[in-house]
Amino acid sequence: MGLKDSFKALSDPTRQEILQMLTKGRMSAGDIGAHFDMTGATISHHLNTLKQAGLVEDIREGKYIYYELNMSVIEEMMGWFLQLKK
C-alpha cells in the first residue's frame, strides 16, 4: 500500500463518506451499511478497498468487526500535501 492506493481509494464518493463517518469514532460494518442504500456486499467492497489502501483498520470483537481510521496513513498523506506547499 502506498500513496497511490490511498488516493485511488479516495476517488469514490461513497468511500469519502465512509471516512467522514469514521471521524466520529469506530463503527461496525452494519452501522456503516445502514447509512447507505446499497447491499452489504457493496459496503464490504468499499470497506475492503479502504482497508487495502491502509486508510482504515478493522478490529474484531466477538462476532463483530469494527472499522476505524488509520491516522498514520492519513498523516502521511497530509505530510505529502504539505511538502507541495514548500
PDB file of N, CA and C in Angstrom:
ATOM      1  N   MET A   1       0.838  -1.183   0.000  1.00  0.00           N
ATOM      2  CA  MET A   1       0.000   0.000   0.000  1.00  0.00           C
ATOM      3  C   MET A   1       0.874   1.235   0.000  1.00  0.00           C
ATOM      4  N   GLY A   2       0.492   2.183  -0.790  1.00  0.00           N
ATOM      5  CA  GLY A   2       1.224   3.430  -0.877  1.00  0.00           C
ATOM      6  C   GLY A   2       0.265   4.570  -1.090  1.00  0.00           C
ATOM      7  N   LEU A   3       0.846   5.733  -1.293  1.00  0.00           N
ATOM      8  CA  LEU A   3       0.008   6.905  -1.506  1.00  0.00           C
ATOM      9  C   LEU A   3      -0.891   6.735  -2.718  1.00  0.00           C
ATOM     10  N   LYS A   4      -0.383   6.076  -3.762  1.00  0.00           N
ATOM     11  CA  LYS A   4      -1.180   5.868  -4.981  1.00  0.00           C
ATOM     12  C   LYS A   4      -2.472   5.126  -4.649  1.00  0.00           C
ATOM     13  N   ASP A   5      -2.364   4.048  -3.875  1.00  0.00           N
ATOM     14  CA  ASP A   5      -3.549   3.274  -3.491  1.00  0.00           C
ATOM     15  C   ASP A   5      -4.495   4.090  -2.618  1.00  0.00           C
ATOM     16  N   SER A   6      -3.933   4.890  -1.738  1.00  0.00           N
ATOM     17  CA  SER A   6      -4.762   5.712  -0.855  1.00  0.00           C
ATOM     18  C   SER A   6      -5.546   6.746  -1.648  1.00  0.00           C
ATOM     19  N   PHE A   7      -4.878   7.413  -2.582  1.00  0.00           N
ATOM     20  CA  PHE A   7      -5.573   8.417  -3.387  1.00  0.00           C
ATOM     21  C   PHE A   7      -6.615   7.768  -4.296  1.00  0.00           C
ATOM     22  N   LYS A   8      -6.313   6.601  -4.820  1.00  0.00           N
ATOM     23  CA  LYS A   8      -7.281   5.895  -5.662  1.00  0.00           C
ATOM     24  C   LYS A   8      -8.522   5.533  -4.845  1.00  0.00           C
ATOM     25  N   ALA A   9      -8.317   5.059  -3.618  1.00  0.00           N
ATOM     26  CA  ALA A   9      -9.451   4.712  -2.753  1.00  0.00           C
ATOM     27  C   ALA A   9     -10.300   5.943  -2.443  1.00  0.00           C
ATOM     28  N   LEU A  10      -9.666   7.093  -2.347  1.00  0.00           N
ATOM     29  CA  LEU A  10     -10.389   8.329  -2.035  1.00  0.00           C
ATOM     30  C   LEU A  10     -11.166   8.887  -3.218  1.00  0.00           C
ATOM     31  N   SER A  11     -10.980   8.313  -4.394  1.00  0.00           N
ATOM     32  CA  SER A  11     -11.643   8.855  -5.583  1.00  0.00           C
ATOM     33  C   SER A  11     -13.130   8.536  -5.627  1.00  0.00           C
ATOM     34  N   ASP A  12     -13.608   7.673  -4.750  1.00  0.00           N
ATOM     35  CA  ASP A  12     -15.019   7.290  -4.753  1.00  0.00           C
ATOM     36  C   ASP A  12     -15.784   8.056  -3.672  1.00  0.00           C
ATOM     37  N   PRO A  13     -16.897   8.696  -4.038  1.00  0.00           N
ATOM     38  CA  PRO A  13     -17.664   9.479  -3.061  1.00  0.00           C
ATOM     39  C   PRO A  13     -18.194   8.653  -1.882  1.00  0.00           C
ATOM     40  N   THR A  14     -18.557   7.406  -2.116  1.00  0.00           N
ATOM     41  CA  THR A  14     -19.037   6.560  -1.013  1.00  0.00           C
ATOM     42  C   THR A  14     -17.931   6.327  -0.006  1.00  0.00           C
ATOM     43  N   ARG A  15     -16.734   6.042  -0.489  1.00  0.00           N
ATOM     44  CA  ARG A  15     -15.612   5.815   0.426  1.00  0.00           C
ATOM     45  C   ARG A  15     -15.238   7.097   1.154  1.00  0.00           C
ATOM     46  N   GLN A  16     -15.366   8.235   0.494  1.00  0.00           N
ATOM     47  CA  GLN A  16     -15.128   9.512   1.168  1.00  0.00           C
ATOM     48  C   GLN A  16     -16.115   9.693   2.311  1.00  0.00           C
ATOM     49  N   GLU A  17     -17.368   9.344   2.052  1.00  0.00           N
ATOM     50  CA  GLU A  17     -18.392   9.491   3.080  1.00  0.00           C
ATOM     51  C   GLU A  17     -18.148   8.528   4.247  1.00  0.00           C
ATOM     52  N   ILE A  18     -17.708   7.316   3.936  1.00  0.00           N
ATOM     53  CA  ILE A  18     -17.390   6.350   4.997  1.00  0.00           C
ATOM     54  C   ILE A  18     -16.282   6.906   5.881  1.00  0.00           C
ATOM     55  N   LEU A  19     -15.240   7.454   5.273  1.00  0.00           N
ATOM     56  CA  LEU A  19     -14.148   8.029   6.062  1.00  0.00           C
ATOM     57  C   LEU A  19     -14.645   9.179   6.928  1.00  0.00           C
ATOM     58  N   GLN A  20     -15.511  10.001   6.364  1.00  0.00           N
ATOM     59  CA  GLN A  20     -16.074  11.112   7.137  1.00  0.00           C
ATOM     60  C   GLN A  20     -16.851  10.586   8.347  1.00  0.00           C
ATOM     61  N   MET A  21     -17.611   9.514   8.143  1.00  0.00           N
ATOM     62  CA  MET A  21     -18.365   8.915   9.255  1.00  0.00           C
ATOM     63  C   MET A  21     -17.421   8.408  10.338  1.00  0.00           C
ATOM     64  N   LEU A  22     -16.289   7.848   9.928  1.00  0.00           N
ATOM     65  CA  LEU A  22     -15.350   7.268  10.888  1.00  0.00           C
ATOM     66  C   LEU A  22     -14.573   8.327  11.669  1.00  0.00           C
ATOM     67  N   THR A  23     -14.671   9.586  11.269  1.00  0.00           N
ATOM     68  CA  THR A  23     -14.013  10.632  12.059  1.00  0.00           C
ATOM     69  C   THR A  23     -14.664  10.773  13.429  1.00  0.00           C
ATOM     70  N   LYS A  24     -15.900  10.280  13.551  1.00  0.00           N
ATOM     71  CA  LYS A  24     -16.615  10.354  14.834  1.00  0.00           C
ATOM     72  C   LYS A  24     -16.282   9.173  15.747  1.00  0.00           C
ATOM     73  N   GLY A  25     -15.531   8.202  15.217  1.00  0.00           N
ATOM     74  CA  GLY A  25     -15.158   7.031  16.010  1.00  0.00           C
ATOM     75  C   GLY A  25     -15.421   5.757  15.239  1.00  0.00           C
ATOM     76  N   ARG A  26     -14.979   4.660  15.807  1.00  0.00           N
ATOM     77  CA  ARG A  26     -15.110   3.379  15.115  1.00  0.00           C
ATOM     78  C   ARG A  26     -16.565   2.965  14.988  1.00  0.00           C
ATOM     79  N   MET A  27     -16.824   2.207  13.931  1.00  0.00           N
ATOM     80  CA  MET A  27     -18.187   1.762  13.640  1.00  0.00           C
ATOM     81  C   MET A  27     -18.146   0.338  13.096  1.00  0.00           C
ATOM     82  N   SER A  28     -19.230  -0.383  13.311  1.00  0.00           N
ATOM     83  CA  SER A  28     -19.344  -1.718  12.737  1.00  0.00           C
ATOM     84  C   SER A  28     -19.746  -1.595  11.272  1.00  0.00           C
ATOM     85  N   ALA A  29     -19.499  -2.657  10.515  1.00  0.00           N
ATOM     86  CA  ALA A  29     -19.886  -2.667   9.107  1.00  0.00           C
ATOM     87  C   ALA A  29     -21.398  -2.487   8.977  1.00  0.00           C
ATOM     88  N   GLY A  30     -22.162  -3.079   9.879  1.00  0.00           N
ATOM     89  CA  GLY A  30     -23.618  -2.943   9.848  1.00  0.00           C
ATOM     90  C   GLY A  30     -24.068  -1.511  10.068  1.00  0.00           C
ATOM     91  N   ASP A  31     -23.416  -0.817  11.009  1.00  0.00           N
ATOM     92  CA  ASP A  31     -23.748   0.585  11.256  1.00  0.00           C
ATOM     93  C   ASP A  31     -23.402   1.451  10.051  1.00  0.00           C
ATOM     94  N   ILE A  32     -22.285   1.157   9.429  1.00  0.00           N
ATOM     95  CA  ILE A  32     -21.892   1.903   8.226  1.00  0.00           C
ATOM     96  C   ILE A  32     -22.889   1.621   7.109  1.00  0.00           C
ATOM     97  N   GLY A  33     -23.207   0.349   6.908  1.00  0.00           N
ATOM     98  CA  GLY A  33     -24.124  -0.044   5.843  1.00  0.00           C
ATOM     99  C   GLY A  33     -25.512   0.542   6.003  1.00  0.00           C
ATOM    100  N   ALA A  34     -25.958   0.726   7.243  1.00  0.00           N
ATOM    101  CA  ALA A  34     -27.296   1.272   7.497  1.00  0.00           C
ATOM    102  C   ALA A  34     -27.425   2.709   6.990  1.00  0.00           C
ATOM    103  N   HIS A  35     -26.314   3.363   6.819  1.00  0.00           N
ATOM    104  CA  HIS A  35     -26.308   4.751   6.357  1.00  0.00           C
ATOM    105  C   HIS A  35     -26.522   4.857   4.839  1.00  0.00           C
ATOM    106  N   PHE A  36     -26.306   3.760   4.129  1.00  0.00           N
ATOM    107  CA  PHE A  36     -26.340   3.779   2.670  1.00  0.00           C
ATOM    108  C   PHE A  36     -27.461   2.898   2.135  1.00  0.00           C
ATOM    109  N   ASP A  37     -27.912   3.208   0.942  1.00  0.00           N
ATOM    110  CA  ASP A  37     -28.910   2.397   0.257  1.00  0.00           C
ATOM    111  C   ASP A  37     -28.192   1.500  -0.755  1.00  0.00           C
ATOM    112  N   MET A  38     -27.433   0.528  -0.240  1.00  0.00           N
ATOM    113  CA  MET A  38     -26.718  -0.424  -1.086  1.00  0.00           C
ATOM    114  C   MET A  38     -26.566  -1.735  -0.337  1.00  0.00           C
ATOM    115  N   THR A  39     -26.218  -2.766  -1.059  1.00  0.00           N
ATOM    116  CA  THR A  39     -26.124  -4.092  -0.451  1.00  0.00           C
ATOM    117  C   THR A  39     -24.950  -4.178   0.516  1.00  0.00           C
ATOM    118  N   GLY A  40     -25.029  -5.147   1.396  1.00  0.00           N
ATOM    119  CA  GLY A  40     -23.925  -5.403   2.323  1.00  0.00           C
ATOM    120  C   GLY A  40     -22.654  -5.760   1.582  1.00  0.00           C
ATOM    121  N   ALA A  41     -22.800  -6.485   0.464  1.00  0.00           N
ATOM    122  CA  ALA A  41     -21.625  -6.865  -0.331  1.00  0.00           C
ATOM    123  C   ALA A  41     -20.931  -5.624  -0.901  1.00  0.00           C
ATOM    124  N   THR A  42     -21.719  -4.647  -1.300  1.00  0.00           N
ATOM    125  CA  THR A  42     -21.137  -3.416  -1.848  1.00  0.00           C
ATOM    126  C   THR A  42     -20.412  -2.643  -0.756  1.00  0.00           C
ATOM    127  N   ILE A  43     -21.015  -2.556   0.415  1.00  0.00           N
ATOM    128  CA  ILE A  43     -20.354  -1.887   1.549  1.00  0.00           C
ATOM    129  C   ILE A  43     -19.065  -2.620   1.895  1.00  0.00           C
ATOM    130  N   SER A  44     -19.119  -3.944   1.922  1.00  0.00           N
ATOM    131  CA  SER A  44     -17.915  -4.739   2.216  1.00  0.00           C
ATOM    132  C   SER A  44     -16.818  -4.451   1.208  1.00  0.00           C
ATOM    133  N   HIS A  45     -17.202  -4.308  -0.060  1.00  0.00           N
ATOM    134  CA  HIS A  45     -16.209  -3.993  -1.092  1.00  0.00           C
ATOM    135  C   HIS A  45     -15.550  -2.642  -0.810  1.00  0.00           C
ATOM    136  N   HIS A  46     -16.365  -1.638  -0.473  1.00  0.00           N
ATOM    137  CA  HIS A  46     -15.812  -0.312  -0.173  1.00  0.00           C
ATOM    138  C   HIS A  46     -14.903  -0.365   1.057  1.00  0.00           C
ATOM    139  N   LEU A  47     -15.342  -1.077   2.085  1.00  0.00           N
ATOM    140  CA  LEU A  47     -14.517  -1.187   3.295  1.00  0.00           C
ATOM    141  C   LEU A  47     -13.212  -1.921   3.004  1.00  0.00           C
ATOM    142  N   ASN A  48     -13.274  -2.951   2.190  1.00  0.00           N
ATOM    143  CA  ASN A  48     -12.068  -3.697   1.832  1.00  0.00           C
ATOM    144  C   ASN A  48     -11.107  -2.818   1.031  1.00  0.00           C
ATOM    145  N   THR A  49     -11.643  -2.019   0.124  1.00  0.00           N
ATOM    146  CA  THR A  49     -10.800  -1.106  -0.649  1.00  0.00           C
ATOM    147  C   THR A  49     -10.098  -0.118   0.278  1.00  0.00           C
ATOM    148  N   LEU A  50     -10.836   0.442   1.233  1.00  0.00           N
ATOM    149  CA  LEU A  50     -10.238   1.376   2.192  1.00  0.00           C
ATOM    150  C   LEU A  50      -9.193   0.676   3.063  1.00  0.00           C
ATOM    151  N   LYS A  51      -9.473  -0.559   3.427  1.00  0.00           N
ATOM    152  CA  LYS A  51      -8.530  -1.327   4.246  1.00  0.00           C
ATOM    153  C   LYS A  51      -7.263  -1.634   3.458  1.00  0.00           C
ATOM    154  N   GLN A  52      -7.410  -2.075   2.216  1.00  0.00           N
ATOM    155  CA  GLN A  52      -6.256  -2.394   1.375  1.00  0.00           C
ATOM    156  C   GLN A  52      -5.398  -1.150   1.120  1.00  0.00           C
ATOM    157  N   ALA A  53      -6.031   0.008   1.068  1.00  0.00           N
ATOM    158  CA  ALA A  53      -5.303   1.262   0.870  1.00  0.00           C
ATOM    159  C   ALA A  53      -4.667   1.753   2.163  1.00  0.00           C
ATOM    160  N   GLY A  54      -4.980   1.100   3.273  1.00  0.00           N
ATOM    161  CA  GLY A  54      -4.404   1.478   4.556  1.00  0.00           C
ATOM    162  C   GLY A  54      -5.122   2.616   5.252  1.00  0.00           C
ATOM    163  N   LEU A  55      -6.257   3.038   4.712  1.00  0.00           N
ATOM    164  CA  LEU A  55      -6.963   4.171   5.298  1.00  0.00           C
ATOM    165  C   LEU A  55      -7.802   3.797   6.509  1.00  0.00           C
ATOM    166  N   VAL A  56      -8.211   2.542   6.602  1.00  0.00           N
ATOM    167  CA  VAL A  56      -8.953   2.074   7.767  1.00  0.00           C
ATOM    168  C   VAL A  56      -8.340   0.773   8.273  1.00  0.00           C
ATOM    169  N   GLU A  57      -8.582   0.507   9.520  1.00  0.00           N
ATOM    170  CA  GLU A  57      -8.181  -0.750  10.143  1.00  0.00           C
ATOM    171  C   GLU A  57      -9.435  -1.423  10.665  1.00  0.00           C
ATOM    172  N   ASP A  58      -9.409  -2.752  10.698  1.00  0.00           N
ATOM    173  CA  ASP A  58     -10.552  -3.461  11.267  1.00  0.00           C
ATOM    174  C   ASP A  58     -10.132  -4.164  12.546  1.00  0.00           C
ATOM    175  N   ILE A  59     -11.046  -4.180  13.495  1.00  0.00           N
ATOM    176  CA  ILE A  59     -10.813  -4.786  14.803  1.00  0.00           C
ATOM    177  C   ILE A  59     -11.962  -5.743  15.072  1.00  0.00           C
ATOM    178  N   ARG A  60     -11.656  -6.992  15.313  1.00  0.00           N
ATOM    179  CA  ARG A  60     -12.688  -7.980  15.594  1.00  0.00           C
ATOM    180  C   ARG A  60     -12.919  -8.059  17.096  1.00  0.00           C
ATOM    181  N   GLU A  61     -14.192  -7.947  17.469  1.00  0.00           N
ATOM    182  CA  GLU A  61     -14.604  -8.113  18.863  1.00  0.00           C
ATOM    183  C   GLU A  61     -15.784  -9.068  18.859  1.00  0.00           C
ATOM    184  N   GLY A  62     -15.516 -10.289  19.252  1.00  0.00           N
ATOM    185  CA  GLY A  62     -16.562 -11.304  19.209  1.00  0.00           C
ATOM    186  C   GLY A  62     -16.977 -11.558  17.781  1.00  0.00           C
ATOM    187  N   LYS A  63     -18.262 -11.472  17.497  1.00  0.00           N
ATOM    188  CA  LYS A  63     -18.742 -11.724  16.142  1.00  0.00           C
ATOM    189  C   LYS A  63     -18.807 -10.453  15.294  1.00  0.00           C
ATOM    190  N   TYR A  64     -18.403  -9.338  15.841  1.00  0.00           N
ATOM    191  CA  TYR A  64     -18.474  -8.066  15.136  1.00  0.00           C
ATOM    192  C   TYR A  64     -17.093  -7.600  14.688  1.00  0.00           C
ATOM    193  N   ILE A  65     -17.068  -6.905  13.570  1.00  0.00           N
ATOM    194  CA  ILE A  65     -15.852  -6.259  13.087  1.00  0.00           C
ATOM    195  C   ILE A  65     -16.112  -4.764  13.081  1.00  0.00           C
ATOM    196  N   TYR A  66     -15.228  -4.031  13.728  1.00  0.00           N
ATOM    197  CA  TYR A  66     -15.332  -2.582  13.790  1.00  0.00           C
ATOM    198  C   TYR A  66     -14.241  -1.962  12.916  1.00  0.00           C
ATOM    199  N   TYR A  67     -14.582  -0.857  12.312  1.00  0.00           N
ATOM    200  CA  TYR A  67     -13.647  -0.146  11.448  1.00  0.00           C
ATOM    201  C   TYR A  67     -13.332   1.203  12.060  1.00  0.00           C
ATOM    202  N   GLU A  68     -12.068   1.600  11.927  1.00  0.00           N
ATOM    203  CA  GLU A  68     -11.644   2.909  12.405  1.00  0.00           C
ATOM    204  C   GLU A  68     -10.584   3.464  11.470  1.00  0.00           C
ATOM    205  N   LEU A  69     -10.414   4.774  11.516  1.00  0.00           N
ATOM    206  CA  LEU A  69      -9.423   5.430  10.673  1.00  0.00           C
ATOM    207  C   LEU A  69      -8.020   5.004  11.071  1.00  0.00           C
ATOM    208  N   ASN A  70      -7.167   4.854  10.081  1.00  0.00           N
ATOM    209  CA  ASN A  70      -5.744   4.619  10.318  1.00  0.00           C
ATOM    210  C   ASN A  70      -5.057   5.970  10.164  1.00  0.00           C
ATOM    211  N   MET A  71      -4.893   6.645  11.258  1.00  0.00           N
ATOM    212  CA  MET A  71      -4.396   8.020  11.226  1.00  0.00           C
ATOM    213  C   MET A  71      -2.960   8.110  10.721  1.00  0.00           C
ATOM    214  N   SER A  72      -2.154   7.069  10.864  1.00  0.00           N
ATOM    215  CA  SER A  72      -0.768   7.162  10.397  1.00  0.00           C
ATOM    216  C   SER A  72      -0.721   7.334   8.882  1.00  0.00           C
ATOM    217  N   VAL A  73      -1.598   6.660   8.146  1.00  0.00           N
ATOM    218  CA  VAL A  73      -1.623   6.812   6.688  1.00  0.00           C
ATOM    219  C   VAL A  73      -2.197   8.173   6.322  1.00  0.00           C
ATOM    220  N   ILE A  74      -3.223   8.611   7.024  1.00  0.00           N
ATOM    221  CA  ILE A  74      -3.810   9.919   6.756  1.00  0.00           C
ATOM    222  C   ILE A  74      -2.790  11.024   7.043  1.00  0.00           C
ATOM    223  N   GLU A  75      -2.028  10.875   8.102  1.00  0.00           N
ATOM    224  CA  GLU A  75      -0.982  11.857   8.410  1.00  0.00           C
ATOM    225  C   GLU A  75       0.109  11.835   7.343  1.00  0.00           C
ATOM    226  N   GLU A  76       0.429  10.664   6.815  1.00  0.00           N
ATOM    227  CA  GLU A  76       1.408  10.572   5.735  1.00  0.00           C
ATOM    228  C   GLU A  76       0.913  11.333   4.500  1.00  0.00           C
ATOM    229  N   MET A  77      -0.360  11.177   4.189  1.00  0.00           N
ATOM    230  CA  MET A  77      -0.932  11.887   3.049  1.00  0.00           C
ATOM    231  C   MET A  77      -0.908  13.394   3.282  1.00  0.00           C
ATOM    232  N   MET A  78      -1.241  13.807   4.492  1.00  0.00           N
ATOM    233  CA  MET A  78      -1.227  15.228   4.819  1.00  0.00           C
ATOM    234  C   MET A  78       0.194  15.784   4.704  1.00  0.00           C
ATOM    235  N   GLY A  79       1.162  15.014   5.133  1.00  0.00           N
ATOM    236  CA  GLY A  79       2.555  15.427   5.021  1.00  0.00           C
ATOM    237  C   GLY A  79       2.979  15.610   3.577  1.00  0.00           C
ATOM    238  N   TRP A  80       2.488  14.724   2.718  1.00  0.00           N
ATOM    239  CA  TRP A  80       2.793  14.823   1.293  1.00  0.00           C
ATOM    240  C   TRP A  80       2.240  16.128   0.741  1.00  0.00           C
ATOM    241  N   PHE A  81       0.986  16.451   1.111  1.00  0.00           N
ATOM    242  CA  PHE A  81       0.397  17.711   0.651  1.00  0.00           C
ATOM    243  C   PHE A  81       1.178  18.913   1.164  1.00  0.00           C
ATOM    244  N   LEU A  82       1.594  18.864   2.409  1.00  0.00           N
ATOM    245  CA  LEU A  82       2.353  19.979   2.979  1.00  0.00           C
ATOM    246  C   LEU A  82       3.686  20.189   2.268  1.00  0.00           C
ATOM    247  N   GLN A  83       4.304  19.111   1.798  1.00  0.00           N
ATOM    248  CA  GLN A  83       5.543  19.228   1.042  1.00  0.00           C
ATOM    249  C   GLN A  83       5.318  19.983  -0.262  1.00  0.00           C
ATOM    250  N   LEU A  84       4.157  19.838  -0.838  1.00  0.00           N
ATOM    251  CA  LEU A  84       3.868  20.546  -2.090  1.00  0.00           C
ATOM    252  C   LEU A  84       3.815  22.051  -1.884  1.00  0.00           C
ATOM    253  N   LYS A  85       3.455  22.448  -0.686  1.00  0.00           N
ATOM    254  CA  LYS A  85       3.314  23.867  -0.378  1.00  0.00           C
ATOM    255  C   LYS A  85       4.668  24.545  -0.268  1.00  0.00           C
ATOM    256  N   LYS A  86       5.696  23.797   0.057  1.00  0.00           N
ATOM    257  CA  LYS A  86       7.031  24.388   0.272  1.00  0.00           C
ATOM    258  C   LYS A  86       7.642  24.866  -1.014  1.00  0.00           C
TER     259      LYS A  86
END
